[in-house]
Structures are given as C-alpha cells and as structure tokens.
Amino acid sequence: MKLLRTIALDPSDTFVFDVAAEPGDWAVPGAFRFCDRDPARLTGKDRSAFRSGFLGVQSWGWSTLVQIVGATEDDRRTVVELLAAQLVDRFGATDLATARLAAEEEVAFAEQLCTHPVGSLIAVHRAATDGEVRESFRRLKLREGQGHSKAFSFMEVEDDPEPDSNLNLANMSQEPRHR
C-alpha cells in the first residue's frame, strides 16, 4: 500500500502558505478545505493553497509537493483517525463517526494518486470554472541519477545589477494591482 507524505525541498512553502505543513506529515489533496468559499474570491496565500496545496493531516498546513511512500494498514488507519479528529476539531464535523466517513473518502482519493513508484513527487493544480473545481495531478520526474534536492538553486552572476532590496517573498502570492 502507498500513501502521501509532505516534503519540503526548500523553505518556499513557509512564504507561499499561511501555514506550511510539517515535512513528513501524512497528506491528502485537501480541496474540501475550500468547500464553503468562492474560489474566485480567494486572494494571497489562501489562493495559493487552493491552487497548489496538499493538506498535511496532522499540521493542518499546506505543502506544494508530496511524496509517495510505502505504508501499512496501521498507517492508513492512523491517517484516517487523524483526519477525522481534525474534521471535528477544526472543520466542525458533527461527530467522529461522520468525520471518519469523510476521512475515509479523502484517504481513498489520496491512495488513487499513488500509482507511481515509491519516492515519486506529486504536484497539484486546481482551478474553478463554472462553479466546479478541477484538479490535475502530475508526477515530477528526476533526471536519471539525481536525488531529491532543493527545488530552486540560486547563483551569483557577475555584472548583475544590484539586487532588488524591495523584494518581499511573503507578498509574491498577491495579485498585481492595476491602476
């Protein structure tokens, strides 16, 4: 059996999302977190979470990437129970039995995404059109012989103009304002 765990290749999720998932947290797609909100009205970090976030089950935070990992039946039961408890505590589910049914569905959906080999990274893109949320998932493939490393590499370039001292990574997810 295979399930999803969050992975952080760099600190970018801490800038992109209000709450970043803890690396290694069990994960589900998590689009249900937006069921009571109009995706067209989402802005900033909420919009980023809607568009490209996987939900960390225990941390209740978001991760841009998840990794397919081997899991046991006990692991699966743990994920369902953790998610059910979160649905009661944080999402207002009426009781644990009802929450467990919803958690089972979400974990089963996560399992369906695990058709690739263990160690594969998965990304999501969500969009809302005509009142429907569409999700597309893709596997990120490493070049042969390359292991998981940083998502972004930075290098210093000679003769590069002075860096922009007004750059604010925390505000990068905001929509540009048109005047």
Protein backbone atom coordinates (compact mmCIF):
# COMPACT_ATOMS: atom_id res chain seq x y z
CA MET A 1 0.00 0.00 0.00
CA LYS A 2 1.15 3.56 -0.71
CA LEU A 3 0.13 6.91 0.74
CA LEU A 4 1.29 10.53 0.52
CA ARG A 5 3.62 12.47 2.81
CA THR A 6 4.51 16.13 2.58
CA ILE A 7 8.02 17.05 1.51
CA ALA A 8 9.86 20.35 1.70
CA LEU A 9 12.74 20.68 -0.74
CA ASP A 10 13.28 24.29 0.32
CA PRO A 11 11.60 26.82 2.65
CA SER A 12 9.29 28.26 -0.04
CA ASP A 13 6.09 26.79 1.45
CA THR A 14 6.63 28.96 4.53
CA PHE A 15 6.38 32.03 2.28
CA VAL A 16 3.62 30.78 -0.03
CA PHE A 17 1.10 29.48 2.53
CA ASP A 18 -0.26 30.91 5.80
CA VAL A 19 0.61 27.62 7.48
CA ALA A 20 3.14 25.31 5.85
CA ALA A 21 2.78 21.59 6.50
CA GLU A 22 5.46 19.91 8.55
CA PRO A 23 7.79 17.87 6.31
CA GLY A 24 6.89 14.18 6.53
CA ASP A 25 3.28 14.84 7.57
CA TRP A 26 0.72 12.44 6.12
CA ALA A 27 -1.07 14.26 3.30
CA VAL A 28 -4.32 14.33 1.37
CA PRO A 29 -5.34 16.60 -1.52
CA GLY A 30 -7.44 18.72 0.86
CA ALA A 31 -9.61 20.68 -1.58
CA PHE A 32 -12.51 20.17 0.83
CA ARG A 33 -11.00 22.96 2.96
CA PHE A 34 -12.42 25.40 0.39
CA CYS A 35 -15.92 23.90 0.09
CA ASP A 36 -17.54 26.87 1.84
CA ARG A 37 -15.60 29.54 -0.03
CA ASP A 38 -15.84 31.01 -3.50
CA PRO A 39 -12.52 30.19 -5.23
CA ALA A 40 -12.88 33.27 -7.43
CA ARG A 41 -12.73 35.47 -4.32
CA LEU A 42 -9.64 33.86 -2.81
CA THR A 43 -6.58 36.06 -2.61
CA GLY A 44 -2.99 35.82 -1.49
CA LYS A 45 -1.92 32.79 0.47
CA ASP A 46 -5.42 31.29 0.52
CA ARG A 47 -5.42 31.43 -3.26
CA SER A 48 -2.00 29.75 -3.37
CA ALA A 49 -3.24 26.97 -1.07
CA PHE A 50 -6.32 26.46 -3.24
CA ARG A 51 -4.32 26.38 -6.47
CA SER A 52 -1.39 24.21 -5.46
CA GLY A 53 -1.59 22.89 -1.92
CA PHE A 54 -1.77 19.42 -0.42
CA LEU A 55 -3.09 19.34 3.12
CA GLY A 56 -0.87 17.99 5.90
CA VAL A 57 -3.20 15.87 8.00
CA GLN A 58 -1.63 16.48 11.41
CA SER A 59 -0.23 20.01 10.94
CA TRP A 60 -3.32 21.24 9.00
CA GLY A 61 -0.82 23.15 6.87
CA TRP A 62 -0.13 23.15 3.15
CA SER A 63 2.63 21.64 1.04
CA THR A 64 3.37 22.27 -2.62
CA LEU A 65 4.72 18.76 -3.08
CA VAL A 66 4.00 15.34 -1.66
CA GLN A 67 5.97 12.14 -1.95
CA ILE A 68 4.57 8.68 -2.49
CA VAL A 69 5.69 6.43 0.37
CA GLY A 70 5.14 2.84 1.36
CA ALA A 71 2.54 2.45 4.10
CA THR A 72 0.91 -0.23 6.23
CA GLU A 73 -2.73 -0.81 7.14
CA ASP A 74 -1.90 0.68 10.56
CA ASP A 75 -0.51 3.81 8.84
CA ARG A 76 -3.70 4.12 6.82
CA ARG A 77 -5.87 3.76 9.93
CA THR A 78 -3.75 6.40 11.65
CA VAL A 79 -4.22 8.83 8.75
CA VAL A 80 -7.98 8.28 8.73
CA GLU A 81 -8.23 8.78 12.51
CA LEU A 82 -6.01 11.90 12.46
CA LEU A 83 -8.03 13.42 9.63
CA ALA A 84 -11.35 12.52 11.27
CA ALA A 85 -10.26 14.21 14.51
CA GLN A 86 -9.18 17.31 12.56
CA LEU A 87 -12.53 17.40 10.75
CA VAL A 88 -14.29 17.51 14.12
CA ASP A 89 -11.87 19.90 15.85
CA ARG A 90 -11.08 22.32 13.04
CA PHE A 91 -13.77 21.88 10.43
CA GLY A 92 -16.88 21.48 12.58
CA ALA A 93 -17.92 17.93 11.68
CA THR A 94 -20.87 16.92 13.85
CA ASP A 95 -19.28 13.78 15.29
CA LEU A 96 -16.33 11.44 14.91
CA ALA A 97 -18.31 8.73 13.09
CA THR A 98 -19.44 11.15 10.38
CA ALA A 99 -15.98 12.66 10.17
CA ARG A 100 -14.44 9.19 9.82
CA LEU A 101 -16.59 8.51 6.72
CA ALA A 102 -15.40 11.74 5.10
CA ALA A 103 -11.79 11.00 6.12
CA GLU A 104 -12.04 7.51 4.58
CA GLU A 105 -13.12 9.06 1.27
CA GLU A 106 -10.30 11.61 1.27
CA VAL A 107 -7.66 8.99 2.14
CA ALA A 108 -9.02 6.66 -0.57
CA PHE A 109 -8.68 9.53 -3.04
CA ALA A 110 -5.08 10.09 -1.91
CA GLU A 111 -4.39 6.37 -2.43
CA GLN A 112 -5.63 6.64 -6.02
CA LEU A 113 -2.87 9.21 -6.67
CA CYS A 114 -0.20 6.70 -5.64
CA THR A 115 0.05 4.78 -8.92
CA HIS A 116 3.68 5.82 -9.46
CA PRO A 117 6.70 4.28 -7.74
CA VAL A 118 7.56 4.98 -4.11
CA GLY A 119 9.65 8.15 -3.91
CA SER A 120 7.80 9.91 -6.74
CA LEU A 121 6.86 13.54 -6.13
CA ILE A 122 3.34 14.73 -6.93
CA ALA A 123 2.13 18.29 -7.55
CA VAL A 124 -1.45 19.54 -7.88
CA HIS A 125 -3.06 22.35 -9.83
CA ARG A 126 -6.62 23.40 -9.01
CA ALA A 127 -8.87 25.75 -10.89
CA ALA A 128 -12.52 26.68 -10.54
CA THR A 129 -14.58 27.11 -13.68
CA ASP A 130 -18.33 27.40 -13.95
CA GLY A 131 -18.72 26.56 -10.27
CA GLU A 132 -16.70 23.34 -10.50
CA VAL A 133 -13.29 22.70 -9.01
CA ARG A 134 -10.97 20.82 -11.32
CA GLU A 135 -7.81 19.20 -10.04
CA SER A 136 -4.94 17.93 -12.11
CA PHE A 137 -2.07 15.99 -10.60
CA ARG A 138 1.31 15.42 -12.11
CA ARG A 139 4.35 13.44 -11.22
CA LEU A 140 7.64 15.26 -11.14
CA LYS A 141 10.43 13.11 -12.53
CA LEU A 142 14.04 13.44 -11.54
CA ARG A 143 16.79 13.26 -14.07
CA GLU A 144 18.47 9.88 -14.02
CA GLY A 145 20.97 9.61 -11.17
CA GLN A 146 19.64 12.74 -9.44
CA GLY A 147 18.18 12.62 -5.94
CA HIS A 148 15.71 14.98 -4.34
CA SER A 149 17.44 18.22 -3.51
CA LYS A 150 16.48 21.85 -3.40
CA ALA A 151 13.58 22.94 -5.54
CA PHE A 152 15.40 26.13 -6.50
CA SER A 153 19.07 26.89 -6.88
CA PHE A 154 20.49 30.38 -6.64
CA MET A 155 23.72 31.57 -8.12
CA GLU A 156 25.57 34.83 -8.09
CA VAL A 157 26.05 36.30 -11.53
CA GLU A 158 28.92 38.61 -12.25
CA ASP A 159 27.95 42.01 -13.67
CA ASP A 160 24.41 41.55 -12.36
CA PRO A 161 22.78 44.81 -11.28
CA GLU A 162 22.22 45.46 -7.58
CA PRO A 163 19.56 43.07 -6.20
CA ASP A 164 16.10 44.49 -5.60
CA SER A 165 16.10 45.41 -1.91
CA ASN A 166 12.31 45.87 -2.03
CA LEU A 167 11.66 42.21 -2.87
CA ASN A 168 9.19 40.74 -0.37
CA LEU A 169 8.73 36.98 -0.80
CA ALA A 170 5.74 36.97 1.54
CA ASN A 171 3.79 39.22 -0.86
CA MET A 172 4.62 37.34 -4.05
CA SER A 173 1.34 35.39 -3.98
CA GLN A 174 -0.74 38.57 -4.16
CA GLU A 175 -2.37 39.58 -7.40
CA PRO A 176 -0.86 42.62 -9.07
CA ARG A 177 -2.88 45.77 -8.62
CA HIS A 178 -3.89 47.53 -11.80
CA ARG A 179 -4.16 51.30 -11.70
